[in-house]
Protein backbone atom coordinates (compact mmCIF):
# COMPACT_ATOMS: atom_id res chain seq x y z
CA GLY A 1 -33.67 79.24 -12.06
CA GLY A 2 -33.74 78.64 -8.33
CA ILE A 3 -33.99 75.79 -5.86
CA VAL A 4 -36.93 73.42 -6.22
CA ALA A 5 -38.15 70.29 -4.46
CA VAL A 6 -38.49 67.05 -6.41
CA LYS A 7 -40.77 64.28 -5.20
CA ILE A 8 -39.72 60.98 -6.77
CA ILE A 9 -42.47 58.36 -6.86
CA ARG A 10 -41.65 54.70 -6.37
CA ASN A 11 -41.85 52.73 -9.59
CA LYS A 12 -44.83 50.62 -8.56
CA LYS A 13 -48.25 50.69 -10.18
CA ARG A 14 -50.21 51.53 -7.03
CA PHE A 15 -47.91 54.45 -6.11
CA HIS A 16 -47.76 55.69 -9.67
CA GLN A 17 -51.53 55.73 -10.05
CA GLN A 18 -52.07 57.77 -6.90
CA ALA A 19 -49.23 60.14 -7.85
CA LEU A 20 -51.05 60.87 -11.10
CA VAL A 21 -54.06 61.87 -9.01
CA GLU A 22 -51.84 64.20 -6.97
CA VAL A 23 -50.37 65.76 -10.12
CA GLY A 24 -53.88 66.38 -11.40
CA ILE A 25 -55.03 68.00 -8.15
CA LEU A 26 -51.90 70.15 -7.87
CA GLY A 27 -52.41 71.28 -11.46
CA ARG A 28 -55.99 72.30 -10.75
CA LEU A 29 -54.96 74.07 -7.55
CA GLY A 30 -52.49 76.09 -9.62
CA GLU A 31 -55.36 77.16 -11.88
CA TRP A 32 -57.73 77.92 -9.01
CA ASP A 33 -55.12 79.67 -6.87
CA PRO A 34 -52.44 81.02 -9.24
CA HIS A 35 -51.03 83.51 -6.72
CA GLY A 36 -51.03 81.25 -3.67
CA ALA A 37 -53.64 83.32 -1.84
CA HIS A 38 -55.21 80.12 -0.48
CA ALA A 39 -52.02 78.61 0.97
CA THR A 40 -51.90 75.82 -1.60
CA LEU A 41 -48.81 74.23 -3.11
CA SER A 42 -48.29 74.80 -6.82
CA ILE A 43 -46.68 72.31 -9.17
CA THR A 44 -43.84 73.56 -11.35
CA THR A 45 -43.68 70.56 -13.67
CA SER A 46 -43.58 66.78 -13.68
CA PHE A 47 -41.43 64.38 -15.66
CA TYR A 48 -40.22 60.79 -15.80
CA PHE A 49 -36.71 59.70 -14.85
CA ARG A 50 -35.82 56.01 -15.26
CA SER A 51 -39.52 55.15 -15.18
CA HIS A 52 -40.05 57.11 -11.95
CA LEU A 53 -42.62 59.90 -11.98
CA CYS A 54 -41.06 63.08 -10.56
CA ILE A 55 -43.12 66.00 -9.26
CA VAL A 56 -41.40 69.40 -9.08
CA THR A 57 -42.67 72.06 -6.65
CA PRO A 58 -41.24 75.21 -5.06
CA CYS A 59 -38.79 74.48 -2.25
CA LEU A 60 -40.29 75.56 1.05
CA SER A 61 -38.94 75.66 4.60
CA ILE A 62 -39.58 73.48 7.67
CA ASN A 63 -42.94 71.96 8.55
CA LEU A 64 -45.04 72.81 11.60
CA TYR A 65 -43.96 69.72 13.52
CA GLU A 66 -40.32 70.75 13.10
CA LEU A 67 -41.31 74.24 14.25
CA ILE A 68 -43.02 72.79 17.34
CA ARG A 69 -39.97 70.63 18.05
CA SER A 70 -37.58 73.57 17.68
CA HIS A 71 -39.64 75.33 20.34
CA ASN A 72 -39.13 72.40 22.72
CA PHE A 73 -42.75 71.27 22.44
CA THR A 74 -44.01 74.23 24.48
CA GLY A 75 -46.47 75.60 21.94
CA PHE A 76 -47.00 79.08 20.53
CA PRO A 77 -48.98 82.24 21.40
CA LEU A 78 -52.51 82.58 20.10
CA PRO A 79 -51.81 85.47 17.68
CA LEU A 80 -49.39 83.26 15.75
CA ILE A 81 -51.82 80.33 15.82
CA ARG A 82 -54.55 82.69 14.60
CA ARG A 83 -52.41 83.72 11.64
CA PHE A 84 -51.76 80.08 10.74
CA THR A 85 -55.48 79.32 11.15
CA ARG A 86 -56.55 82.02 8.70
CA GLN A 87 -54.27 80.63 6.02
CA LEU A 88 -55.29 77.01 6.60
CA LEU A 89 -58.95 77.99 6.45
CA ALA A 90 -58.33 79.80 3.17
CA CYS A 91 -57.04 76.51 1.78
CA LEU A 92 -59.94 74.50 3.20
CA VAL A 93 -62.49 77.00 1.86
CA LEU A 94 -61.03 76.56 -1.63
CA LEU A 95 -61.11 72.77 -1.27
CA GLN A 96 -64.67 73.01 0.03
CA THR A 97 -65.84 74.94 -3.03
CA LYS A 98 -64.20 72.35 -5.29
CA ARG A 99 -65.45 69.39 -3.18
CA ILE A 100 -61.94 68.06 -2.58
CA ILE A 101 -60.92 66.30 0.65
CA HIS A 102 -57.24 66.54 1.61
CA CYS A 103 -57.43 63.36 3.74
CA ASP A 104 -54.05 63.75 5.46
CA LEU A 105 -53.90 67.16 7.11
CA LYS A 106 -51.28 67.22 9.89
CA PRO A 107 -48.37 69.42 11.07
CA GLU A 108 -45.90 67.56 8.83
CA ASN A 109 -47.96 68.49 5.78
CA ILE A 110 -48.03 72.22 6.54
CA LEU A 111 -44.81 74.00 5.61
CA LEU A 112 -43.48 77.49 6.23
CA CYS A 113 -42.74 79.35 3.01
CA ASP A 114 -39.79 81.02 4.70
CA ALA A 115 -38.31 80.44 8.15
CA ARG A 116 -38.51 84.19 8.83
CA LYS A 117 -42.21 84.58 8.02
CA ALA A 118 -45.45 83.11 9.30
CA ASP A 119 -46.74 82.18 5.84
CA VAL A 120 -47.59 78.52 5.26
CA ARG A 121 -48.51 76.15 2.45
CA VAL A 122 -50.49 72.91 2.61
CA ILE A 123 -48.70 70.06 0.86
CA ASP A 124 -49.03 66.32 0.14
CA PHE A 125 -52.23 65.85 -1.80
CA GLY A 126 -51.30 62.23 -2.46
CA SER A 127 -54.22 60.98 -0.37
CA SER A 128 -56.71 63.55 -1.64
CA CYS A 129 -59.90 62.79 -3.50
CA ARG A 130 -63.10 64.39 -4.68
CA GLU A 131 -65.94 63.99 -2.22
CA GLU A 132 -68.01 62.06 -4.75
CA GLU A 133 -65.08 59.86 -5.83
CA LYS A 134 -63.81 58.41 -2.54
CA VAL A 135 -61.66 55.33 -3.14
CA TYR A 136 -60.37 54.43 0.32
CA THR A 137 -62.36 53.85 3.49
CA TYR A 138 -59.50 54.28 5.94
CA ILE A 139 -57.30 57.34 5.67
CA GLN A 140 -55.65 60.10 7.75
CA SER A 141 -52.78 59.89 10.24
CA ARG A 142 -53.91 58.48 13.56
CA PHE A 143 -53.52 61.51 15.86
CA TYR A 144 -55.56 63.60 13.40
CA ARG A 145 -58.02 60.90 12.29
CA SER A 146 -61.70 61.74 12.55
CA PRO A 147 -64.04 59.42 14.49
CA GLU A 148 -66.11 58.58 11.42
CA VAL A 149 -63.00 57.21 9.72
CA ILE A 150 -61.99 55.25 12.84
CA LEU A 151 -65.47 53.77 13.20
CA GLY A 152 -65.89 52.95 9.52
CA SER A 153 -68.69 55.37 8.71
CA SER A 154 -69.06 57.43 5.55
CA TYR A 155 -66.86 60.51 5.50
CA GLY A 156 -66.67 63.80 3.68
CA LEU A 157 -65.15 67.27 3.84
CA GLY A 158 -65.63 67.34 7.61
CA ILE A 159 -62.65 65.07 8.26
CA ASP A 160 -60.29 67.91 7.32
CA MET A 161 -61.92 70.22 9.86
CA TRP A 162 -61.43 67.55 12.53
CA SER A 163 -57.74 67.40 11.63
CA LEU A 164 -57.53 71.20 11.75
CA GLY A 165 -58.91 71.25 15.30
CA CYS A 166 -56.32 68.68 16.38
CA ILE A 167 -53.50 70.64 14.72
CA LEU A 168 -54.43 73.95 16.37
CA ALA A 169 -54.64 72.29 19.78
CA GLU A 170 -51.16 70.85 19.23
CA LEU A 171 -49.77 74.22 18.15
CA TRP A 172 -51.03 75.64 21.46
CA THR A 173 -49.99 72.90 23.89
CA GLY A 174 -47.01 71.49 22.00
CA TYR A 175 -48.31 67.93 21.94
CA PRO A 176 -51.23 66.05 20.29
CA ILE A 177 -54.57 66.41 21.99
CA PHE A 178 -55.47 62.78 21.16
CA PRO A 179 -52.21 60.77 21.41
CA GLY A 180 -53.67 57.29 20.97
CA GLU A 181 -51.30 54.33 20.82
CA ASN A 182 -53.68 52.48 18.52
CA GLU A 183 -57.18 52.79 17.08
CA GLN A 184 -58.91 51.75 20.28
CA GLU A 185 -57.03 54.20 22.47
CA GLN A 186 -57.41 56.92 19.85
CA LEU A 187 -61.17 56.72 20.20
CA ALA A 188 -60.79 56.46 23.98
CA CYS A 189 -58.79 59.71 23.95
CA ILE A 190 -61.66 61.43 22.16
CA MET A 191 -64.28 60.01 24.53
CA GLU A 192 -62.17 61.04 27.52
CA ILE A 193 -62.98 64.67 26.66
CA PHE A 194 -66.22 64.55 24.69
CA GLY A 195 -67.88 61.46 26.12
CA PRO A 196 -69.27 58.58 24.01
CA PRO A 197 -70.88 59.45 20.66
CA ASP A 198 -74.65 59.43 20.28
CA ARG A 199 -76.07 56.00 19.58
CA PHE A 200 -77.38 56.90 16.12
CA LEU A 201 -73.82 57.75 15.05
CA VAL A 202 -72.49 54.41 16.29
CA GLU A 203 -75.26 52.35 14.70
CA ARG A 204 -74.33 53.40 11.18
CA CYS A 205 -70.64 52.46 11.59
CA SER A 206 -69.26 49.24 10.10
CA ARG A 207 -66.49 48.86 12.69
CA LYS A 208 -68.51 49.59 15.84
CA LYS A 209 -67.99 46.11 17.34
CA LEU A 210 -64.27 46.83 17.70
CA PHE A 211 -64.99 49.73 20.05
CA PHE A 212 -68.40 49.09 21.66
CA ASP A 213 -70.03 46.03 23.21
CA SER A 214 -73.44 44.61 22.31
CA VAL A 215 -75.29 47.19 24.42
CA GLY A 216 -73.32 50.12 23.00
CA LYS A 217 -71.00 50.59 25.97
CA PRO A 218 -67.38 51.57 25.11
CA ARG A 219 -64.96 48.68 25.48
CA VAL A 220 -62.30 49.10 28.15
CA THR A 221 -58.98 50.24 26.69
CA VAL A 222 -55.69 50.03 28.58
CA SER A 223 -52.54 51.73 27.26
CA SER A 224 -49.11 50.13 27.26
CA LYS A 225 -48.46 51.99 30.52
CA GLY A 226 -51.59 50.62 32.14
CA ARG A 227 -53.63 53.80 31.81
CA ARG A 228 -57.39 53.57 31.38
CA ARG A 229 -59.05 56.56 29.78
CA ARG A 230 -62.52 57.14 31.22
CA PRO A 231 -65.19 58.87 29.11
CA SER A 232 -66.01 62.44 30.13
CA SER A 233 -63.22 62.55 32.73
CA ARG A 234 -61.62 65.74 31.36
CA THR A 235 -62.94 68.98 29.92
CA LEU A 236 -61.63 70.55 26.74
CA SER A 237 -60.43 73.51 28.80
CA GLN A 238 -58.38 71.15 30.97
CA ALA A 239 -56.93 69.40 27.93
CA LEU A 240 -55.90 72.71 26.37
CA LYS A 241 -54.81 74.23 29.70
CA THR A 242 -56.51 77.52 28.88
CA ASP A 243 -59.82 79.26 29.52
CA ASP A 244 -59.73 81.46 26.40
CA GLU A 245 -63.37 81.22 25.33
CA ALA A 246 -62.92 81.96 21.63
CA PHE A 247 -60.14 79.40 21.20
CA ILE A 248 -61.97 76.69 23.17
CA ASP A 249 -65.18 77.35 21.24
CA PHE A 250 -63.37 77.15 17.89
CA ILE A 251 -61.72 73.83 18.77
CA ALA A 252 -64.99 72.42 20.17
CA ARG A 253 -66.82 73.23 16.94
CA CYS A 254 -64.10 71.51 14.89
CA LEU A 255 -64.18 68.39 17.09
CA ARG A 256 -67.86 67.53 17.11
CA TRP A 257 -68.69 63.84 16.86
CA ASP A 258 -71.35 64.40 14.22
CA PRO A 259 -69.68 65.58 10.98
CA ASP A 260 -72.97 67.19 9.91
CA ARG A 261 -72.80 69.48 12.96
CA ARG A 262 -69.08 70.13 12.67
CA MET A 263 -68.07 73.66 11.71
CA LYS A 264 -67.53 74.20 7.97
CA PRO A 265 -64.52 76.13 6.62
CA ASP A 266 -66.68 78.96 5.28
CA GLU A 267 -68.28 79.28 8.72
CA ALA A 268 -64.97 79.09 10.54
CA ILE A 269 -63.48 82.13 8.80
CA SER A 270 -66.08 84.29 10.58
CA HIS A 271 -65.51 82.79 14.02
CA PRO A 272 -64.39 85.27 16.74
CA PHE A 273 -61.13 83.37 17.26
CA VAL A 274 -60.21 83.92 13.60
CA THR A 275 -61.47 87.49 13.32
CA GLY A 276 -60.13 88.53 16.72
CA LEU A 277 -63.49 90.04 17.65
CA PRO A 278 -65.04 89.50 21.10
CA MET A 279 -67.25 86.49 21.69
CA PRO A 280 -70.96 87.38 21.51
CA SER A 281 -72.81 87.64 24.80
CA ALA A 282 -74.65 84.42 25.61
CA GLN A 283 -75.04 81.78 28.22
CA PRO A 284 -71.73 80.02 29.00
CA GLN A 285 -72.70 76.76 27.27
CA GLN A 286 -73.96 78.62 24.20
CA ARG A 287 -70.94 80.89 24.17
CA LEU A 288 -68.56 77.96 24.24
CA GLY A 289 -70.45 76.32 21.39
CA ILE A 290 -69.94 72.91 22.98
CA PRO A 291 -72.09 70.16 21.47
CA ASP A 292 -74.34 67.97 23.61
CA GLU A 293 -71.85 65.14 23.90
CA ALA A 294 -69.15 67.56 25.06
CA ARG A 295 -71.31 69.05 27.79
CA ARG A 296 -71.20 65.72 29.54
CA ALA A 297 -67.54 66.44 30.16
CA ALA A 298 -68.31 69.61 32.11
CA ARG A 299 -68.01 67.83 35.45
CA PRO A 300 -65.00 65.54 35.46
CA ARG A 301 -65.17 62.71 37.94
CA ALA A 302 -62.77 62.73 40.87
CA THR A 303 -59.76 60.62 40.02
CA GLY A 304 -56.21 60.29 41.15
CA PRO A 305 -53.34 62.02 39.41
CA SER A 306 -53.38 61.14 35.76
CA SER A 307 -50.43 59.56 34.08
CA PRO A 308 -48.12 61.75 31.99
CA THR A 309 -49.18 62.64 28.48
CA LYS A 310 -47.38 61.43 25.37
CA ARG A 311 -44.41 63.75 25.70
CA THR A 312 -42.97 63.01 29.10
CA GLN A 313 -41.00 66.23 29.33
CA GLN A 314 -44.19 68.32 29.17
CA GLN A 315 -44.86 70.13 32.44
CA GLN A 316 -48.05 71.60 33.83
CA VAL A 317 -48.44 75.17 32.66
CA PRO A 318 -50.26 77.71 34.85
CA LEU A 319 -53.20 79.60 33.40
CA THR A 320 -51.73 82.96 34.31
CA PRO A 321 -50.73 85.01 31.26
CA LYS A 322 -47.12 85.05 30.22
CA ARG A 323 -45.30 87.69 28.29
CA LEU A 324 -44.98 87.33 24.54
CA PRO A 325 -41.39 86.67 23.40
CA THR A 326 -39.59 89.89 22.55
CA THR A 327 -38.70 90.50 18.94
CA ASN A 328 -34.96 90.29 19.54
CA SER A 329 -34.99 87.13 21.64
CA ILE A 330 -34.71 83.55 20.46
CA PRO A 331 -35.90 80.70 22.71
CA ALA A 332 -32.95 79.23 24.56
CA ALA A 333 -33.23 75.81 22.97
CA ALA A 334 -33.39 77.31 19.49
CA ALA A 335 -30.43 79.58 20.18
CA GLN A 336 -28.34 76.59 21.21
CA GLY A 337 -29.17 74.65 18.08
CA SER A 338 -31.07 71.39 18.09
CA PRO A 339 -33.09 70.87 21.27
CA ALA A 340 -32.48 67.88 23.44
CA LYS A 341 -34.11 64.85 21.87
CA PRO A 342 -37.23 63.87 23.80
CA PRO A 343 -37.44 60.35 25.20
CA THR A 344 -38.10 57.79 22.50
CA LEU A 345 -41.72 56.69 22.67
CA ARG A 346 -42.75 53.68 20.65
CA PHE A 347 -46.40 53.31 19.83
CA ALA A 348 -48.25 50.27 18.63
CA SER A 349 -49.27 50.95 15.05
CA ASP A 350 -52.72 50.31 13.65
CA SER A 351 -51.63 47.53 11.34
CA GLY A 352 -48.30 46.57 12.86
CA ALA A 353 -46.28 48.48 10.30
CA THR A 354 -47.72 51.97 10.15
CA ALA A 355 -45.76 54.80 11.77
CA ARG A 356 -47.79 56.59 14.43
CA ARG A 357 -48.00 59.96 12.67
CA HIS A 358 -48.44 58.63 9.15
CA SER A 359 -51.54 57.96 7.15
CA SER A 360 -52.47 54.31 7.44
CA ILE A 361 -52.80 54.12 3.66
CA THR A 362 -49.27 53.06 2.88
CA SER A 363 -49.82 53.11 -0.85
CA LEU A 364 -50.58 56.83 -0.70
CA ASN A 365 -47.65 58.01 1.38
CA THR A 366 -44.51 56.05 0.56
CA ALA A 367 -43.05 58.08 -2.29
CA THR A 368 -39.33 58.75 -2.18
CA THR A 369 -38.51 62.43 -1.78
CA VAL A 370 -35.51 64.65 -2.34
CA ALA A 371 -34.65 66.78 0.70
CA GLY A 372 -37.74 65.62 2.55
CA SER A 373 -38.38 64.55 6.12
CA LYS A 374 -41.11 62.67 7.94
CA ARG A 375 -40.98 60.98 11.32
CA ALA A 376 -41.20 57.32 12.07
CA SER A 377 -42.35 56.04 15.44
CA ASN A 378 -38.82 56.24 16.82
CA GLY A 379 -38.25 59.81 15.64
CA ALA A 380 -36.09 58.85 12.68
CA VAL A 381 -36.39 60.75 9.43
CA LEU A 382 -38.33 59.15 6.58
CA ALA A 383 -38.66 60.31 3.00
CA GLY A 384 -41.99 61.88 2.25
CA ASN A 385 -42.44 65.67 2.35
CA PRO A 386 -42.35 67.03 -1.19
CA ALA A 387 -41.02 70.48 -0.36
CA VAL A 388 -38.95 70.67 2.78
CA ASN A 389 -35.67 72.50 2.99
CA GLY A 390 -33.08 69.95 4.06
CA ASN A 391 -31.70 72.16 6.79
CA ALA A 392 -34.21 72.03 9.64
CA ASN A 393 -32.14 74.53 11.57
CA ALA A 394 -33.24 77.17 9.08
CA GLY A 395 -36.47 77.59 11.00
CA ARG A 396 -34.96 78.08 14.42
CA SER A 397 -33.38 81.43 13.69
CA GLY A 398 -36.77 82.66 12.56
CA LEU A 399 -38.72 81.81 15.72
CA ALA A 400 -38.31 85.26 17.22
CA MET A 401 -39.27 86.76 13.88
CA LEU A 402 -42.43 84.64 13.84
CA ALA A 403 -43.33 85.84 17.31
CA ALA A 404 -42.85 89.43 16.21
CA VAL A 405 -44.98 88.90 13.11
CA ALA A 406 -47.71 87.32 15.24
CA ALA A 407 -47.62 90.18 17.72
CA SER A 408 -47.96 92.76 14.98
CA SER A 409 -50.61 90.93 12.94
CA GLY A 410 -52.73 89.20 15.58
CA SER A 411 -55.89 90.91 16.70
CA GLY A 412 -56.38 90.98 20.43
CA THR A 413 -54.83 88.86 23.12
CA PRO A 414 -55.93 85.75 24.94
CA GLY A 415 -58.68 86.67 27.33
CA GLY A 416 -58.89 85.77 30.98
CA GLY A 417 -56.45 83.00 31.74
CA GLY A 418 -54.98 82.92 28.24
CA ARG A 419 -51.41 81.70 28.21
CA TRP A 420 -48.46 83.53 26.71
CA ARG A 421 -45.26 81.69 25.95
CA SER A 422 -42.01 83.17 27.22
């Protein structure tokens, strides 16, 4: 007995076929990780109801986006992010050994097991595939989409590590690090921090003419608010608003242009940010592990005040450390219930119909779900998460508990100008 989540697949051939793939992957994950040590979602059973395939899984709690929202988009302390990172890497290491690509890693697809604990599970393997059996050329949700997918190059396991870097940055700042309104601005957001990709990477891409001119120069992109993002105009440290070396280095290694040079999951588990050990002594550039293209961003050009980021209520946060939330305190917004709804921001979708935080492969992500929630571009709830507790408020009472768990389990504290959330 007990409460379960039921994902009901639309009765269409294309959805049904991909759901069968998901059932197969979930079944194998249950065999490979029977005790959930690798933060994977297990399948209880599957059945047909009125010609609809139904997938039954354990009922989990809120997803990480809902957790970020319940914290008023202000982010979380590094010890809690470190704990999440270890679990996500455990999942990615397992997928790496089995040569499986998740293809849609994002905060909405990472769920808390319980609102009072910092244990998570990775869900929604509807877009997943084996590395040698890739079917689709364009996958991932835009904010977390790797450059090789955007540019139409071949992709592999490295796209999940790119998504992981984006997710961890968002857990820290409270908002996406690359909030592109469309494909063109998405790539411009990446180049704003890391500069243009090396020419050999661009030359092998089938969609390069959409983003670069005949001489390889990035095409000018203007947002709906008239903002032009200039390559190499910000550093990663400025984007993250921190100077914690281990965290910056970890993110930089996840967000390398070249997927062959991107950090692998089995390498990442030994990184100082994950282990909590001090960074090894080295020259600053070596210590930060910043790739060649990122070093070009070390000296941002002098510009006027930049326009606000995606979430207009986000304020500049000083680099001075703040005190970790006490174990018996709940953030004010969480204590009062649902936080004030942020201003509605509508983004141009990639194809005119794709929600901004959804995978652009509609056929992989449009299954009807019981007690699920995903966001559309206007913040409305869509069916889609296979194992979300219907009561999103369940997570808010556990925020202080999560902070306490992080404080007790995290190794070390942010160094230098690391930022604590109060």
